[in-house]
Protein backbone atom coordinates (compact mmCIF):
# COMPACT_ATOMS: atom_id res chain seq x y z
CA MET A 1 0.20 -0.14 -0.27
CA GLU A 2 2.84 2.22 0.69
CA GLN A 3 4.13 2.35 -2.57
CA MET A 4 1.11 2.40 -4.17
CA ARG A 5 0.73 5.84 -3.05
CA ILE A 6 4.40 6.66 -3.54
CA GLU A 7 4.38 5.89 -7.06
CA LEU A 8 0.71 7.74 -7.09
CA ILE A 9 2.98 10.85 -5.92
CA GLU A 10 5.44 9.98 -7.87
CA LYS A 11 3.35 10.02 -11.20
CA THR A 12 1.07 13.43 -10.03
CA LEU A 13 4.61 15.78 -9.55
CA ALA A 14 5.96 14.26 -13.18
CA ARG A 15 2.23 14.78 -14.66
CA ILE A 16 1.81 18.42 -12.94
CA ASP A 17 5.65 18.87 -13.97
CA GLN A 18 5.26 18.45 -17.64
CA ASN A 19 2.22 20.52 -17.35
CA ILE A 20 3.99 23.26 -15.93
CA MET A 21 6.66 23.62 -18.44
CA MET A 22 3.56 22.21 -21.27
CA ALA A 23 2.23 26.51 -20.59
CA ASN A 24 5.46 28.02 -20.25
CA LEU A 25 6.44 26.61 -23.76
CA LYS A 26 2.06 27.72 -25.13
CA ALA A 27 2.89 30.96 -22.94
CA SER A 28 6.38 32.22 -24.77
CA PHE A 29 4.75 30.37 -27.85
CA ILE A 30 1.69 33.30 -27.63
CA MET A 31 4.31 35.95 -26.67
CA SER A 32 6.59 35.48 -29.43
CA ALA A 33 4.16 35.68 -32.20
CA ASN A 34 2.02 38.94 -30.27
CA ILE A 35 5.45 40.66 -29.92
CA ILE A 36 5.42 39.89 -33.92
CA ILE A 37 1.53 41.32 -34.70
CA ILE A 38 3.02 44.66 -32.19
CA VAL A 39 5.62 45.53 -34.85
CA LEU A 40 3.32 44.56 -37.91
CA ALA A 41 0.57 46.42 -37.10
CA MET A 42 2.89 49.40 -35.26
CA SER A 43 5.13 49.44 -39.23
CA GLY A 44 1.59 48.27 -41.36
CA TYR A 45 -0.86 51.43 -39.83
CA LYS A 46 0.15 54.71 -42.57
CA THR A 47 -0.17 51.46 -45.33
CA CYS A 48 -3.69 50.11 -44.40
CA LEU A 49 -4.74 54.42 -43.66
CA GLU A 50 -3.20 54.86 -47.70
CA MET A 51 -5.53 51.80 -48.31
CA LEU A 52 -8.66 52.23 -46.95
CA GLY A 53 -8.36 55.78 -46.88
CA ASN A 54 -11.50 57.71 -46.50
CA ASN A 55 -12.22 54.68 -43.06
CA ARG A 56 -9.91 56.30 -41.26
CA THR A 57 -11.51 56.19 -38.49
CA ALA A 58 -12.48 52.02 -38.99
CA VAL A 59 -8.50 51.92 -39.19
CA THR A 60 -7.50 53.60 -37.02
CA ALA A 61 -10.53 51.01 -34.13
CA ALA A 62 -9.33 48.18 -35.94
CA PHE A 63 -5.27 48.29 -35.31
CA PHE A 64 -5.86 49.92 -31.70
CA ILE A 65 -7.98 46.98 -30.29
CA MET A 66 -5.23 44.39 -32.58
CA ILE A 67 -2.45 46.82 -30.25
CA VAL A 68 -4.32 46.36 -26.96
CA ALA A 69 -5.25 43.12 -27.72
CA SER A 70 -1.85 42.01 -28.00
CA VAL A 71 -0.66 43.82 -25.37
CA ALA A 72 -2.89 42.81 -23.09
CA SER A 73 -2.13 38.33 -24.10
CA LEU A 74 1.63 39.85 -23.62
CA ILE A 75 0.82 40.39 -20.46
CA MET A 76 -1.29 37.42 -19.61
CA CYS A 77 1.60 35.29 -21.31
CA LEU A 78 3.73 36.28 -18.19
CA LYS A 79 1.28 35.94 -15.36
CA VAL A 80 2.38 32.71 -16.89
CA VAL A 81 5.92 32.35 -16.76
CA ILE A 82 6.67 34.34 -14.02
CA ALA A 83 7.54 31.95 -10.71
CA PHE A 84 5.48 30.54 -8.83
CA LEU A 85 7.21 30.84 -5.35
CA ALA A 86 4.89 30.03 -2.32
CA SER A 87 6.28 27.43 -0.64
CA GLY A 88 4.27 26.44 2.29
CA ASN A 89 5.54 27.08 4.85
CA MET A 90 4.48 27.77 8.27
CA PRO A 91 6.88 29.19 10.88
CA GLU A 92 7.55 26.89 13.39
CA LYS A 93 4.77 23.43 12.19
CA TYR A 94 6.55 22.85 8.09
CA ARG A 95 9.50 24.44 6.01
CA SER A 96 9.05 22.65 2.94
CA VAL A 97 12.64 20.09 2.32
CA ILE A 98 12.01 19.84 -1.30
CA TYR A 99 10.79 23.00 -2.33
CA PHE A 100 14.29 25.32 -3.53
CA GLY A 101 12.79 29.18 -1.83
CA SER A 102 12.51 26.86 1.72
CA ILE A 103 16.31 25.45 1.53
CA SER A 104 17.96 28.62 0.06
CA GLY A 105 16.56 30.27 3.02
CA MET A 106 17.79 27.53 5.06
CA SER A 107 21.64 27.14 5.71
CA LEU A 108 24.09 24.17 4.26
CA TYR A 109 24.09 22.54 8.23
CA GLU A 110 20.40 23.06 8.87
CA TYR A 111 19.77 21.68 5.26
CA LYS A 112 21.11 18.44 5.90
CA GLU A 113 20.56 18.76 9.82
CA ARG A 114 16.51 18.64 8.04
CA ILE A 115 17.93 16.37 6.04
CA ASP A 116 19.16 13.53 8.93
CA LYS A 117 16.05 13.80 10.37
CA ILE A 118 13.02 13.27 8.51
CA SER A 119 10.81 10.99 8.44
CA GLU A 120 9.20 8.74 5.54
CA GLU A 121 5.49 9.79 6.13
CA GLU A 122 7.37 13.43 6.90
CA ILE A 123 8.28 13.39 3.19
CA LEU A 124 4.90 12.04 2.63
CA GLU A 125 3.39 14.52 3.78
CA ASP A 126 5.94 17.43 2.25
CA TYR A 127 5.45 16.11 -0.46
CA ILE A 128 1.70 15.80 -1.06
CA ARG A 129 1.77 19.42 -0.27
CA GLN A 130 3.89 21.03 -2.56
CA ILE A 131 1.76 18.72 -4.96
CA HIS A 132 -1.08 20.36 -3.71
CA LEU A 133 0.03 24.58 -4.08
CA LEU A 134 1.60 23.30 -7.46
CA SER A 135 -1.64 22.46 -8.84
CA ALA A 136 -3.02 25.48 -7.42
CA ALA A 137 -0.65 27.66 -9.44
CA LEU A 138 -1.19 25.85 -12.26
CA ILE A 139 -4.70 26.37 -12.62
CA LYS A 140 -3.72 29.93 -12.15
CA LYS A 141 -1.19 29.93 -15.21
CA TYR A 142 -3.91 27.97 -16.80
CA ILE A 143 -6.86 30.89 -16.07
CA TYR A 144 -4.07 33.13 -18.07
CA ILE A 145 -2.84 31.02 -20.34
CA ASN A 146 -7.12 30.71 -21.16
CA ALA A 147 -7.37 34.26 -21.58
CA SER A 148 -4.38 35.23 -23.52
CA ILE A 149 -5.60 33.28 -26.01
CA TYR A 150 -8.74 34.94 -26.93
CA LEU A 151 -6.62 38.13 -26.55
CA PHE A 152 -4.93 36.61 -29.19
CA VAL A 153 -7.39 35.51 -31.12
CA MET A 154 -9.34 39.03 -30.85
CA THR A 155 -5.94 39.94 -33.20
CA PRO A 156 -6.95 37.50 -36.39
CA LEU A 157 -10.96 38.53 -36.60
CA THR A 158 -9.98 42.44 -36.10
CA CYS A 159 -7.43 41.44 -39.53
CA LEU A 160 -10.71 40.21 -41.31
CA ILE A 161 -12.58 43.07 -40.33
CA LEU A 162 -10.79 45.18 -41.78
CA PHE A 163 -10.13 43.12 -44.55
CA ILE A 164 -14.00 42.90 -45.07
CA ILE A 165 -14.14 47.18 -45.31
CA LYS A 166 -11.98 46.75 -47.74
CA LEU A 167 -13.89 44.61 -49.11
CA PHE A 168 -16.91 46.94 -49.20
CA ALA A 169 -14.55 50.40 -49.71
CA ALA A 170 -14.19 48.76 -53.05
């Protein structure tokens, strides 16, 4: 039974780590795309105005929406990739021996002493706490990723609206 608990904890932690890496990868891709969109929008504004000369207000509004959506999406992505630093530490009751922030807060001697004295049950408890904290962080990451994707999708929709305006203006 104990071996099953350990395997469950290991698999859960590995799965959470994989999901965190995927969220960071998605955010990095969306950040790059947003930066390209912002640069293209800023450099293509005058050209688009010349093409759609009599629809200056629509073009300006569309470019404004594209840039604002891209910047907002970029901010959401930054929230995804910024390190999650909550440790779950409770002074005098619990200090993680797994979380790097807790470890760095101890001297080398203190950490070695803590490792030498820790029981198997305390290690399992530490893993369980860390898995719970990482799960909460992962949920936040995916909330920000989803918001970023929705904002990112506004950009091609805005381009489509500009294209439709061009068709009807011709």
